[in-house]
Every structure is written in structure tokens, then in C-alpha cells.
């Protein structure tokens, strides 16, 4: 599932996007000092309408920093990836439902710039 997540973020393959994100997902960030909250439909539309890192020729660098499986149906993953000129870290809350793992919430932060 995390491989599909990294693919979706880099290539904007919307089939993989729809597979990894639960339709009730919410994304959060507070980088600007204010809460940025994006539900599934808002986030999906933003991804569809932006130029993919792949099409911009950006180097792909993905890393799984931590996986913590709480139970057979709940887990958390901390990942890092490069996109849009930045180094991003995400905390992904995962649920196992409908026979597969899906992201139910995402907290993200830009932690640096691509050198």
C-alpha cells in the first residue's frame, strides 16, 4: 500500500490515489500557523489539477521511516518523500477495511528543500 502511495504522489496515478486513500480521509497541516484541513474530495481535485512531480522531471526519493501496527486493523506510518521542490514528512493513519489497508488521515509537513 505504501508503494502505491509513493507512486500516486509522484505520478499522480489517480487509480492508485483512490485505492490508498479512504473516501473519508482528511489531511492536516499547520505550516502557515493556521490549520489547513483538506477532506478527500478537495485533496483529490487539487492533485488532479496540479502538474505531477514526475512530469516536471523531479527526482523521486521515498523512504519509510516508521511503521507501527496497533492491531490487525489499525496502524501508523511515518514516511518521507521529495516533491514540489521540498522534502515532505507525513504521518499516515491507516485502517484495514474492505480487505485492504487505506489512509484515513494524513498530517504532513515540509521539513526541508530539495538540494
Protein backbone atom coordinates (compact mmCIF):
# COMPACT_ATOMS: atom_id res chain seq x y z
CA UNK A 1 0.00 0.00 0.00
CA UNK A 2 2.81 2.45 0.81
CA UNK A 3 4.41 1.70 -2.56
CA UNK A 4 1.13 2.67 -4.22
CA UNK A 5 1.03 5.81 -2.04
CA UNK A 6 4.50 6.86 -3.18
CA UNK A 7 3.55 6.11 -6.82
CA UNK A 8 0.36 8.17 -6.50
CA UNK A 9 2.22 11.14 -5.03
CA UNK A 10 4.95 11.09 -7.71
CA UNK A 11 2.99 10.17 -10.85
CA UNK A 12 -0.50 11.30 -9.79
CA UNK A 13 -1.92 7.94 -10.86
CA UNK A 14 -5.48 8.55 -9.69
CA UNK A 15 -6.38 4.84 -9.69
CA UNK A 16 -3.67 4.32 -7.06
CA UNK A 17 -4.74 7.51 -5.28
CA UNK A 18 -8.30 6.18 -4.99
CA UNK A 19 -7.01 2.80 -3.81
CA UNK A 20 -4.83 4.14 -0.97
CA UNK A 21 -6.99 6.99 0.34
CA UNK A 22 -10.25 6.16 2.09
CA UNK A 23 -13.04 8.46 0.90
CA UNK A 24 -13.39 9.78 4.48
CA UNK A 25 -9.70 10.76 4.69
CA UNK A 26 -8.76 14.20 5.99
CA UNK A 27 -5.34 15.83 5.55
CA UNK A 28 -3.96 18.30 8.06
CA UNK A 29 -1.10 20.78 8.23
CA UNK A 30 -0.41 23.95 10.20
CA UNK A 31 2.71 25.20 8.42
CA UNK A 32 1.31 28.71 7.97
CA UNK A 33 0.27 29.00 11.60
CA UNK A 34 -3.32 28.21 10.69
CA UNK A 35 -4.98 24.83 10.40
CA UNK A 36 -5.08 23.59 6.81
CA UNK A 37 -7.73 20.86 6.56
CA UNK A 38 -8.46 19.05 3.31
CA UNK A 39 -11.11 16.35 3.01
CA UNK A 40 -10.84 13.69 0.30
CA UNK A 41 -12.73 15.49 -2.46
CA UNK A 42 -10.80 18.76 -2.02
CA UNK A 43 -7.44 16.98 -1.91
CA UNK A 44 -8.26 14.76 -4.88
CA UNK A 45 -9.25 17.76 -7.00
CA UNK A 46 -6.01 19.57 -6.09
CA UNK A 47 -3.93 16.53 -7.10
CA UNK A 48 -5.80 16.11 -10.40
CA UNK A 49 -5.24 19.77 -11.26
CA UNK A 50 -1.54 20.08 -10.48
CA UNK A 51 1.48 19.09 -12.52
CA UNK A 52 2.95 15.83 -11.25
CA UNK A 53 6.49 15.69 -9.86
CA UNK A 54 7.20 13.00 -12.48
CA UNK A 55 6.12 15.21 -15.39
CA UNK A 56 8.29 18.04 -14.02
CA UNK A 57 11.31 15.71 -14.04
CA UNK A 58 11.71 15.80 -10.26
CA UNK A 59 13.89 13.12 -8.69
CA UNK A 60 11.94 10.52 -6.78
CA UNK A 61 13.19 9.76 -3.30
CA UNK A 62 10.81 7.88 -0.97
CA UNK A 63 11.52 6.48 2.46
CA UNK A 64 9.52 4.63 5.09
CA UNK A 65 10.77 5.94 8.43
CA UNK A 66 8.45 4.01 10.77
CA UNK A 67 5.52 1.63 10.77
CA UNK A 68 3.63 0.99 13.99
CA UNK A 69 0.93 -1.67 13.74
CA UNK A 70 -1.53 -1.12 16.56
CA UNK A 71 -3.74 -4.08 15.66
CA UNK A 72 -4.86 -6.13 12.68
CA UNK A 73 -7.00 -3.17 11.58
CA UNK A 74 -5.08 -0.04 12.69
CA UNK A 75 -1.56 1.24 12.06
CA UNK A 76 0.51 4.39 11.62
CA UNK A 77 3.29 5.04 9.12
CA UNK A 78 5.81 7.88 9.07
CA UNK A 79 7.15 8.45 5.57
CA UNK A 80 9.36 10.94 3.80
CA UNK A 81 9.32 11.90 0.14
CA UNK A 82 10.53 14.60 -2.20
CA UNK A 83 8.05 16.56 -4.26
CA UNK A 84 7.35 20.11 -5.44
CA UNK A 85 10.90 21.12 -4.55
CA UNK A 86 10.54 20.09 -0.93
CA UNK A 87 11.26 17.27 1.46
CA UNK A 88 7.95 16.20 2.99
CA UNK A 89 7.25 14.06 6.04
CA UNK A 90 3.84 12.51 6.51
CA UNK A 91 2.19 10.71 9.38
CA UNK A 92 -0.35 8.37 7.81
CA UNK A 93 -3.05 6.80 9.96
CA UNK A 94 -4.06 3.52 8.36
CA UNK A 95 -7.10 1.30 8.68
CA UNK A 96 -7.66 -2.17 7.26
CA UNK A 97 -11.16 -2.18 5.83
CA UNK A 98 -12.82 -3.69 2.77
CA UNK A 99 -9.95 -6.19 2.52
CA UNK A 100 -7.13 -3.67 2.23
CA UNK A 101 -5.12 -1.02 4.08
CA UNK A 102 -6.19 2.58 3.42
CA UNK A 103 -5.14 6.01 4.66
CA UNK A 104 -7.82 7.51 6.90
CA UNK A 105 -5.84 10.61 7.97
CA UNK A 106 -2.63 12.35 6.96
CA UNK A 107 -0.61 15.01 8.77
CA UNK A 108 2.10 16.47 6.57
CA UNK A 109 4.89 18.96 6.90
CA UNK A 110 7.56 20.33 4.60
CA UNK A 111 10.76 19.70 6.54
CA UNK A 112 13.29 20.97 4.02
CA UNK A 113 14.13 21.85 0.46
CA UNK A 114 15.49 19.57 -2.23
CA UNK A 115 19.17 20.42 -2.72
